[in-house]
Amino acid sequence: MSKIVPCLWFASKAEEAAKFYVSLLPDSRIDAVQRNVVETPAGPEGSVLLVEFTLAGQRYLALNGGAPMDFTPAVSFMINCVDQDEVDRLWDALIDGGAPMQCGWLRDRYGLAWQIVPSILPKLFSGPDRAGAQRAMKAMMEMVKLDGDALQRAYDGASV
């Protein structure tokens, strides 16, 4: 069991957001839903207060806090994707109702920042060819959604 559990503050859509997130990745599930036992700033008695969920094996807590609190990209969740199909699938799901950022980052419909990263990226940046790593980094800096094949071509010195 994790000693540290990230808590995500939502004004009122904690359960909706948690259900959406767990639909995206294996080893994900809603673990528990706690309801308000009295009326609180988060809602009336019986409304959802907390949602405990597991996302890709990591425990999270989603809280309906009542008052809106904005997420910032200073805290984001990075998903290492095994291939471009996974990058595309997760990007398309998370960007729906959200907004693209740069270099594989996006903000989802709830305002949470995500990094959707092909697993090859760290290998390219730390590879033995320093000029190739620089080319890959420059190519990434020009991308919104990351393209692993294009990053590999840049590393190899082929045209992107």
N, C-alpha and C. Protein backbone atom coordinates (compact mmCIF):
# COMPACT_ATOMS: atom_id res chain seq x y z
N MET A 1 0.84 -1.18 0.00
CA MET A 1 0.00 0.00 0.00
C MET A 1 0.89 1.24 0.00
N SER A 2 0.54 2.23 -0.82
CA SER A 2 1.31 3.46 -0.90
C SER A 2 1.13 4.29 0.35
N LYS A 3 2.22 4.82 0.86
CA LYS A 3 2.15 5.71 2.01
C LYS A 3 1.67 7.10 1.57
N ILE A 4 2.04 7.48 0.36
CA ILE A 4 1.62 8.78 -0.19
C ILE A 4 0.59 8.54 -1.29
N VAL A 5 -0.53 9.21 -1.18
CA VAL A 5 -1.61 9.09 -2.17
C VAL A 5 -1.94 10.49 -2.68
N PRO A 6 -1.73 10.76 -3.97
CA PRO A 6 -2.10 12.08 -4.50
C PRO A 6 -3.61 12.29 -4.39
N CYS A 7 -3.98 13.50 -3.98
CA CYS A 7 -5.39 13.88 -3.87
C CYS A 7 -5.67 14.97 -4.90
N LEU A 8 -6.65 14.74 -5.74
CA LEU A 8 -7.04 15.68 -6.78
C LEU A 8 -8.33 16.38 -6.36
N TRP A 9 -8.33 17.69 -6.33
CA TRP A 9 -9.48 18.49 -5.89
C TRP A 9 -10.32 18.87 -7.10
N PHE A 10 -11.57 18.50 -7.07
CA PHE A 10 -12.55 18.88 -8.08
C PHE A 10 -13.65 19.66 -7.39
N ALA A 11 -14.28 20.58 -8.08
CA ALA A 11 -15.40 21.30 -7.48
C ALA A 11 -16.55 20.31 -7.24
N SER A 12 -16.88 19.51 -8.26
CA SER A 12 -18.03 18.61 -8.12
C SER A 12 -17.97 17.36 -9.00
N LYS A 13 -16.90 17.17 -9.78
CA LYS A 13 -16.88 16.08 -10.76
C LYS A 13 -15.85 15.01 -10.44
N ALA A 14 -15.58 14.78 -9.16
CA ALA A 14 -14.57 13.79 -8.76
C ALA A 14 -14.90 12.40 -9.28
N GLU A 15 -16.14 11.97 -9.10
CA GLU A 15 -16.51 10.62 -9.52
C GLU A 15 -16.47 10.50 -11.04
N GLU A 16 -16.99 11.49 -11.75
CA GLU A 16 -16.96 11.47 -13.21
C GLU A 16 -15.52 11.40 -13.72
N ALA A 17 -14.64 12.22 -13.16
CA ALA A 17 -13.24 12.23 -13.58
C ALA A 17 -12.57 10.90 -13.28
N ALA A 18 -12.77 10.37 -12.09
CA ALA A 18 -12.14 9.09 -11.72
C ALA A 18 -12.61 7.97 -12.64
N LYS A 19 -13.89 7.93 -12.95
CA LYS A 19 -14.41 6.89 -13.86
C LYS A 19 -13.77 7.03 -15.24
N PHE A 20 -13.61 8.27 -15.70
CA PHE A 20 -12.97 8.50 -17.00
C PHE A 20 -11.52 8.01 -16.97
N TYR A 21 -10.76 8.42 -15.96
CA TYR A 21 -9.35 8.05 -15.90
C TYR A 21 -9.16 6.53 -15.83
N VAL A 22 -9.95 5.84 -15.02
CA VAL A 22 -9.76 4.39 -14.90
C VAL A 22 -10.16 3.64 -16.17
N SER A 23 -10.95 4.27 -17.02
CA SER A 23 -11.33 3.63 -18.29
C SER A 23 -10.17 3.62 -19.29
N LEU A 24 -9.10 4.36 -19.01
CA LEU A 24 -8.04 4.54 -19.99
C LEU A 24 -6.88 3.55 -19.90
N LEU A 25 -6.61 3.05 -18.70
CA LEU A 25 -5.39 2.27 -18.50
C LEU A 25 -5.66 0.95 -17.78
N PRO A 26 -4.90 -0.09 -18.13
CA PRO A 26 -5.02 -1.35 -17.41
C PRO A 26 -4.63 -1.17 -15.93
N ASP A 27 -5.02 -2.12 -15.11
CA ASP A 27 -4.75 -2.11 -13.67
C ASP A 27 -5.30 -0.84 -13.03
N SER A 28 -6.51 -0.47 -13.45
CA SER A 28 -7.18 0.73 -12.94
C SER A 28 -8.59 0.36 -12.50
N ARG A 29 -9.07 1.02 -11.44
CA ARG A 29 -10.40 0.72 -10.93
C ARG A 29 -10.84 1.77 -9.91
N ILE A 30 -12.13 1.85 -9.70
CA ILE A 30 -12.69 2.63 -8.59
C ILE A 30 -12.63 1.71 -7.38
N ASP A 31 -12.00 2.15 -6.31
CA ASP A 31 -11.87 1.33 -5.11
C ASP A 31 -12.96 1.61 -4.09
N ALA A 32 -13.36 2.86 -3.95
CA ALA A 32 -14.39 3.21 -2.97
C ALA A 32 -14.94 4.59 -3.29
N VAL A 33 -16.20 4.78 -2.95
CA VAL A 33 -16.84 6.09 -3.07
C VAL A 33 -17.42 6.42 -1.69
N GLN A 34 -17.00 7.55 -1.14
CA GLN A 34 -17.52 8.00 0.16
C GLN A 34 -18.47 9.16 -0.09
N ARG A 35 -19.59 9.12 0.57
CA ARG A 35 -20.61 10.16 0.42
C ARG A 35 -20.62 11.06 1.64
N ASN A 36 -21.05 12.29 1.42
CA ASN A 36 -21.22 13.22 2.53
C ASN A 36 -22.25 12.68 3.51
N VAL A 37 -21.93 12.66 4.78
CA VAL A 37 -22.89 12.18 5.78
C VAL A 37 -23.73 13.33 6.33
N VAL A 38 -23.31 14.54 6.04
CA VAL A 38 -24.07 15.75 6.36
C VAL A 38 -23.84 16.72 5.21
N GLU A 39 -24.60 17.78 5.15
CA GLU A 39 -24.35 18.80 4.14
C GLU A 39 -23.03 19.49 4.44
N THR A 40 -22.21 19.67 3.41
CA THR A 40 -20.91 20.33 3.53
C THR A 40 -20.76 21.32 2.38
N PRO A 41 -19.71 22.13 2.38
CA PRO A 41 -19.47 22.99 1.22
C PRO A 41 -19.32 22.20 -0.09
N ALA A 42 -18.99 20.91 0.03
CA ALA A 42 -18.81 20.07 -1.14
C ALA A 42 -20.14 19.56 -1.70
N GLY A 43 -21.22 19.66 -0.93
CA GLY A 43 -22.50 19.21 -1.43
C GLY A 43 -23.43 18.75 -0.33
N PRO A 44 -24.64 18.39 -0.74
CA PRO A 44 -25.64 17.96 0.24
C PRO A 44 -25.35 16.56 0.79
N GLU A 45 -25.99 16.22 1.86
CA GLU A 45 -25.90 14.88 2.42
C GLU A 45 -26.20 13.86 1.32
N GLY A 46 -25.38 12.83 1.25
CA GLY A 46 -25.57 11.78 0.25
C GLY A 46 -24.81 12.00 -1.05
N SER A 47 -24.34 13.22 -1.30
CA SER A 47 -23.57 13.46 -2.53
C SER A 47 -22.15 12.92 -2.36
N VAL A 48 -21.47 12.71 -3.48
CA VAL A 48 -20.11 12.16 -3.45
C VAL A 48 -19.14 13.18 -2.87
N LEU A 49 -18.37 12.72 -1.89
CA LEU A 49 -17.32 13.55 -1.29
C LEU A 49 -15.95 13.10 -1.78
N LEU A 50 -15.66 11.80 -1.66
CA LEU A 50 -14.34 11.26 -2.01
C LEU A 50 -14.49 10.04 -2.91
N VAL A 51 -13.57 9.92 -3.84
CA VAL A 51 -13.49 8.72 -4.67
C VAL A 51 -12.05 8.21 -4.56
N GLU A 52 -11.91 7.00 -4.04
CA GLU A 52 -10.61 6.35 -4.01
C GLU A 52 -10.52 5.52 -5.27
N PHE A 53 -9.42 5.70 -6.02
CA PHE A 53 -9.27 4.93 -7.25
C PHE A 53 -7.82 4.58 -7.49
N THR A 54 -7.62 3.55 -8.28
CA THR A 54 -6.29 3.10 -8.67
C THR A 54 -6.16 3.32 -10.17
N LEU A 55 -5.07 3.96 -10.55
CA LEU A 55 -4.81 4.26 -11.95
C LEU A 55 -3.45 3.67 -12.30
N ALA A 56 -3.47 2.64 -13.15
CA ALA A 56 -2.25 1.93 -13.56
C ALA A 56 -1.44 1.50 -12.33
N GLY A 57 -2.14 1.00 -11.31
CA GLY A 57 -1.48 0.48 -10.12
C GLY A 57 -1.18 1.51 -9.04
N GLN A 58 -1.36 2.79 -9.32
CA GLN A 58 -1.09 3.87 -8.36
C GLN A 58 -2.40 4.33 -7.73
N ARG A 59 -2.42 4.42 -6.41
CA ARG A 59 -3.62 4.89 -5.72
C ARG A 59 -3.76 6.40 -5.81
N TYR A 60 -5.00 6.87 -5.94
CA TYR A 60 -5.34 8.30 -5.97
C TYR A 60 -6.59 8.52 -5.15
N LEU A 61 -6.79 9.76 -4.81
CA LEU A 61 -8.02 10.19 -4.16
C LEU A 61 -8.55 11.38 -4.93
N ALA A 62 -9.82 11.36 -5.27
CA ALA A 62 -10.47 12.50 -5.92
C ALA A 62 -11.46 13.07 -4.91
N LEU A 63 -11.39 14.35 -4.68
CA LEU A 63 -12.19 15.03 -3.68
C LEU A 63 -13.10 16.05 -4.36
N ASN A 64 -14.37 16.01 -4.02
CA ASN A 64 -15.28 17.10 -4.40
C ASN A 64 -15.18 18.14 -3.29
N GLY A 65 -14.49 19.23 -3.57
CA GLY A 65 -14.27 20.25 -2.56
C GLY A 65 -15.27 21.38 -2.57
N GLY A 66 -16.16 21.40 -3.55
CA GLY A 66 -17.16 22.46 -3.63
C GLY A 66 -16.63 23.67 -4.40
N ALA A 67 -15.67 24.36 -3.85
CA ALA A 67 -15.11 25.54 -4.50
C ALA A 67 -14.15 25.10 -5.61
N PRO A 68 -14.20 25.77 -6.76
CA PRO A 68 -13.27 25.40 -7.84
C PRO A 68 -11.82 25.74 -7.46
N MET A 69 -10.93 24.84 -7.75
CA MET A 69 -9.49 25.03 -7.58
C MET A 69 -8.86 24.61 -8.90
N ASP A 70 -8.03 25.44 -9.46
CA ASP A 70 -7.42 25.14 -10.75
C ASP A 70 -6.18 24.27 -10.58
N PHE A 71 -6.06 23.26 -11.46
CA PHE A 71 -4.82 22.52 -11.57
C PHE A 71 -3.86 23.37 -12.39
N THR A 72 -2.57 23.20 -12.18
CA THR A 72 -1.58 23.88 -13.01
C THR A 72 -0.64 22.83 -13.60
N PRO A 73 0.03 23.16 -14.70
CA PRO A 73 0.99 22.21 -15.27
C PRO A 73 2.22 21.99 -14.38
N ALA A 74 2.33 22.74 -13.27
CA ALA A 74 3.44 22.51 -12.36
C ALA A 74 3.40 21.10 -11.78
N VAL A 75 2.21 20.50 -11.75
CA VAL A 75 2.05 19.10 -11.39
C VAL A 75 1.31 18.44 -12.55
N SER A 76 1.91 17.41 -13.10
CA SER A 76 1.29 16.71 -14.22
C SER A 76 1.51 15.22 -14.05
N PHE A 77 0.79 14.44 -14.82
CA PHE A 77 0.95 13.00 -14.81
C PHE A 77 1.49 12.56 -16.15
N MET A 78 2.63 11.85 -16.12
CA MET A 78 3.27 11.38 -17.33
C MET A 78 2.90 9.91 -17.54
N ILE A 79 2.50 9.59 -18.75
CA ILE A 79 2.22 8.20 -19.11
C ILE A 79 3.26 7.78 -20.14
N ASN A 80 4.06 6.78 -19.79
CA ASN A 80 5.02 6.20 -20.71
C ASN A 80 4.29 5.20 -21.59
N CYS A 81 4.23 5.47 -22.87
CA CYS A 81 3.46 4.65 -23.81
C CYS A 81 4.38 3.68 -24.55
N VAL A 82 3.94 2.44 -24.69
CA VAL A 82 4.76 1.41 -25.32
C VAL A 82 4.94 1.63 -26.82
N ASP A 83 3.97 2.27 -27.47
CA ASP A 83 4.07 2.47 -28.91
C ASP A 83 3.21 3.68 -29.32
N GLN A 84 3.27 4.00 -30.60
CA GLN A 84 2.54 5.17 -31.09
C GLN A 84 1.03 4.97 -31.02
N ASP A 85 0.59 3.73 -31.16
CA ASP A 85 -0.86 3.47 -31.03
C ASP A 85 -1.35 3.87 -29.64
N GLU A 86 -0.57 3.56 -28.61
CA GLU A 86 -0.97 3.94 -27.26
C GLU A 86 -0.91 5.46 -27.08
N VAL A 87 0.13 6.09 -27.63
CA VAL A 87 0.21 7.55 -27.59
C VAL A 87 -1.05 8.15 -28.22
N ASP A 88 -1.39 7.68 -29.40
CA ASP A 88 -2.55 8.21 -30.13
C ASP A 88 -3.84 7.99 -29.36
N ARG A 89 -4.04 6.77 -28.83
CA ARG A 89 -5.27 6.44 -28.12
C ARG A 89 -5.44 7.31 -26.87
N LEU A 90 -4.39 7.41 -26.07
CA LEU A 90 -4.49 8.19 -24.84
C LEU A 90 -4.60 9.69 -25.14
N TRP A 91 -3.84 10.15 -26.11
CA TRP A 91 -3.92 11.57 -26.49
C TRP A 91 -5.34 11.92 -26.92
N ASP A 92 -5.89 11.11 -27.81
CA ASP A 92 -7.23 11.38 -28.32
C ASP A 92 -8.28 11.36 -27.21
N ALA A 93 -8.17 10.43 -26.28
CA ALA A 93 -9.13 10.35 -25.18
C ALA A 93 -8.99 11.53 -24.23
N LEU A 94 -7.76 11.85 -23.87
CA LEU A 94 -7.55 12.91 -22.88
C LEU A 94 -7.75 14.31 -23.45
N ILE A 95 -7.50 14.51 -24.74
CA ILE A 95 -7.63 15.83 -25.34
C ILE A 95 -9.09 16.19 -25.61
N ASP A 96 -9.97 15.18 -25.65
CA ASP A 96 -11.39 15.42 -25.90
C ASP A 96 -11.98 16.32 -24.82
N GLY A 97 -12.31 17.55 -25.19
CA GLY A 97 -12.81 18.52 -24.22
C GLY A 97 -11.71 19.27 -23.51
N GLY A 98 -10.47 18.95 -23.82
CA GLY A 98 -9.32 19.59 -23.20
C GLY A 98 -8.60 20.50 -24.18
N ALA A 99 -7.30 20.68 -23.97
CA ALA A 99 -6.52 21.56 -24.83
C ALA A 99 -5.09 21.05 -24.95
N PRO A 100 -4.53 21.10 -26.18
CA PRO A 100 -3.14 20.68 -26.36
C PRO A 100 -2.20 21.71 -25.78
N MET A 101 -1.05 21.23 -25.39
CA MET A 101 0.03 22.11 -24.97
C MET A 101 1.19 21.79 -25.91
N GLN A 102 2.40 21.85 -25.47
CA GLN A 102 3.55 21.58 -26.32
C GLN A 102 4.32 20.38 -25.79
N CYS A 103 5.07 19.74 -26.66
CA CYS A 103 6.01 18.67 -26.29
C CYS A 103 5.33 17.49 -25.63
N GLY A 104 4.15 17.11 -26.11
CA GLY A 104 3.47 15.94 -25.58
C GLY A 104 2.59 16.21 -24.37
N TRP A 105 2.44 17.47 -24.00
CA TRP A 105 1.60 17.83 -22.85
C TRP A 105 0.21 18.21 -23.34
N LEU A 106 -0.76 17.95 -22.49
CA LEU A 106 -2.12 18.41 -22.76
C LEU A 106 -2.82 18.65 -21.43
N ARG A 107 -3.90 19.38 -21.52
CA ARG A 107 -4.77 19.62 -20.37
C ARG A 107 -6.08 18.93 -20.69
N ASP A 108 -6.56 18.04 -19.79
CA ASP A 108 -7.79 17.31 -20.07
C ASP A 108 -9.02 18.16 -19.74
N ARG A 109 -10.20 17.60 -19.96
CA ARG A 109 -11.46 18.33 -19.76
C ARG A 109 -11.67 18.78 -18.33
N TYR A 110 -10.94 18.20 -17.39
CA TYR A 110 -11.06 18.59 -15.98
C TYR A 110 -9.97 19.58 -15.57
N GLY A 111 -9.07 19.89 -16.50
CA GLY A 111 -8.01 20.85 -16.23
C GLY A 111 -6.69 20.24 -15.79
N LEU A 112 -6.63 18.91 -15.66
CA LEU A 112 -5.42 18.23 -15.22
C LEU A 112 -4.43 18.14 -16.37
N ALA A 113 -3.15 18.37 -16.08
CA ALA A 113 -2.11 18.30 -17.11
C ALA A 113 -1.53 16.89 -17.19
N TRP A 114 -1.34 16.43 -18.41
CA TRP A 114 -0.79 15.11 -18.70
C TRP A 114 0.36 15.24 -19.68
N GLN A 115 1.32 14.34 -19.58
CA GLN A 115 2.39 14.18 -20.56
C GLN A 115 2.22 12.80 -21.18
N ILE A 116 1.98 12.74 -22.46
CA ILE A 116 1.80 11.47 -23.17
C ILE A 116 3.07 11.22 -23.96
N VAL A 117 3.88 10.29 -23.49
CA VAL A 117 5.26 10.16 -23.95
C VAL A 117 5.55 8.77 -24.50
N PRO A 118 6.07 8.68 -25.73
CA PRO A 118 6.51 7.37 -26.21
C PRO A 118 7.71 6.90 -25.38
N SER A 119 7.73 5.64 -25.00
CA SER A 119 8.77 5.14 -24.10
C SER A 119 10.18 5.25 -24.69
N ILE A 120 10.26 5.44 -26.00
CA ILE A 120 11.58 5.57 -26.63
C ILE A 120 12.25 6.91 -26.31
N LEU A 121 11.48 7.90 -25.92
CA LEU A 121 12.01 9.25 -25.75
C LEU A 121 13.21 9.33 -24.80
N PRO A 122 13.14 8.80 -23.58
CA PRO A 122 14.32 8.89 -22.71
C PRO A 122 15.55 8.19 -23.29
N LYS A 123 15.32 7.11 -24.03
CA LYS A 123 16.44 6.39 -24.65
C LYS A 123 17.12 7.26 -25.70
N LEU A 124 16.32 8.02 -26.45
CA LEU A 124 16.89 8.90 -27.47
C LEU A 124 17.69 10.03 -26.82
N PHE A 125 17.17 10.58 -25.76
CA PHE A 125 17.86 11.71 -25.10
C PHE A 125 19.13 11.27 -24.38
N SER A 126 19.19 10.02 -23.97
CA SER A 126 20.37 9.56 -23.24
C SER A 126 21.22 8.61 -24.06
N GLY A 127 20.93 8.51 -25.36
CA GLY A 127 21.69 7.61 -26.23
C GLY A 127 23.12 8.06 -26.41
N PRO A 128 23.95 7.19 -26.94
CA PRO A 128 25.38 7.51 -27.09
C PRO A 128 25.67 8.59 -28.13
N ASP A 129 24.77 8.79 -29.06
CA ASP A 129 24.95 9.80 -30.11
C ASP A 129 24.43 11.14 -29.59
N ARG A 130 25.32 11.99 -29.11
CA ARG A 130 24.90 13.27 -28.51
C ARG A 130 24.28 14.19 -29.56
N ALA A 131 24.80 14.17 -30.79
CA ALA A 131 24.21 14.98 -31.86
C ALA A 131 22.81 14.46 -32.17
N GLY A 132 22.64 13.14 -32.15
CA GLY A 132 21.32 12.55 -32.36
C GLY A 132 20.35 12.95 -31.27
N ALA A 133 20.82 12.95 -30.02
CA ALA A 133 19.98 13.37 -28.89
C ALA A 133 19.54 14.82 -29.07
N GLN A 134 20.47 15.67 -29.53
CA GLN A 134 20.12 17.07 -29.77
C GLN A 134 19.08 17.21 -30.87
N ARG A 135 19.25 16.43 -31.96
CA ARG A 135 18.26 16.47 -33.05
C ARG A 135 16.88 16.00 -32.55
N ALA A 136 16.87 14.94 -31.75
CA ALA A 136 15.60 14.45 -31.21
C ALA A 136 14.95 15.49 -30.30
N MET A 137 15.76 16.15 -29.47
CA MET A 137 15.22 17.18 -28.58
C MET A 137 14.65 18.35 -29.38
N LYS A 138 15.36 18.77 -30.41
CA LYS A 138 14.86 19.86 -31.25
C LYS A 138 13.56 19.46 -31.95
N ALA A 139 13.49 18.23 -32.42
CA ALA A 139 12.25 17.75 -33.07
C ALA A 139 11.11 17.74 -32.07
N MET A 140 11.37 17.26 -30.84
CA MET A 140 10.32 17.23 -29.83
C MET A 140 9.80 18.63 -29.51
N MET A 141 10.71 19.60 -29.46
CA MET A 141 10.33 20.97 -29.11
C MET A 141 9.38 21.59 -30.14
N GLU A 142 9.34 21.02 -31.34
CA GLU A 142 8.45 21.52 -32.39
C GLU A 142 7.12 20.77 -32.45
N MET A 143 6.98 19.73 -31.63
CA MET A 143 5.77 18.89 -31.67
C MET A 143 4.77 19.32 -30.60
N VAL A 144 3.53 19.01 -30.86
CA VAL A 144 2.48 19.11 -29.84
C VAL A 144 2.28 17.68 -29.33
N LYS A 145 1.59 16.82 -30.09
CA LYS A 145 1.54 15.39 -29.75
C LYS A 145 2.84 14.77 -30.23
N LEU A 146 3.47 13.96 -29.39
CA LEU A 146 4.74 13.37 -29.75
C LEU A 146 4.56 12.20 -30.72
N ASP A 147 5.49 12.12 -31.66
CA ASP A 147 5.52 11.06 -32.66
C ASP A 147 6.84 10.32 -32.49
N GLY A 148 6.77 9.12 -31.90
CA GLY A 148 7.97 8.35 -31.61
C GLY A 148 8.80 8.02 -32.83
N ASP A 149 8.13 7.69 -33.94
CA ASP A 149 8.87 7.37 -35.17
C ASP A 149 9.61 8.60 -35.69
N ALA A 150 8.97 9.75 -35.67
CA ALA A 150 9.62 10.98 -36.13
C ALA A 150 10.79 11.35 -35.21
N LEU A 151 10.64 11.12 -33.93
CA LEU A 151 11.73 11.38 -32.99
C LEU A 151 12.91 10.46 -33.26
N GLN A 152 12.64 9.19 -33.56
CA GLN A 152 13.71 8.24 -33.89
C GLN A 152 14.40 8.66 -35.19
N ARG A 153 13.61 9.09 -36.19
CA ARG A 153 14.21 9.54 -37.45
C ARG A 153 15.11 10.75 -37.21
N ALA A 154 14.66 11.67 -36.36
CA ALA A 154 15.48 12.85 -36.05
C ALA A 154 16.78 12.41 -35.39
N TYR A 155 16.69 11.51 -34.44
CA TYR A 155 17.88 10.99 -33.75
C TYR A 155 18.85 10.39 -34.77
N ASP A 156 18.28 9.61 -35.72
CA ASP A 156 19.11 8.93 -36.72
C ASP A 156 19.66 9.87 -37.79
N GLY A 157 19.17 11.11 -37.81
CA GLY A 157 19.65 12.06 -38.80
C GLY A 157 18.85 12.05 -40.09
N ALA A 158 17.77 11.30 -40.11
CA ALA A 158 16.89 11.28 -41.28
C ALA A 158 15.93 12.46 -41.18
N SER A 159 15.32 12.82 -42.31
CA SER A 159 14.38 13.95 -42.26
C SER A 159 13.14 13.54 -41.49
N VAL A 160 12.63 14.48 -40.70
CA VAL A 160 11.45 14.25 -39.87
C VAL A 160 10.26 14.49 -40.71
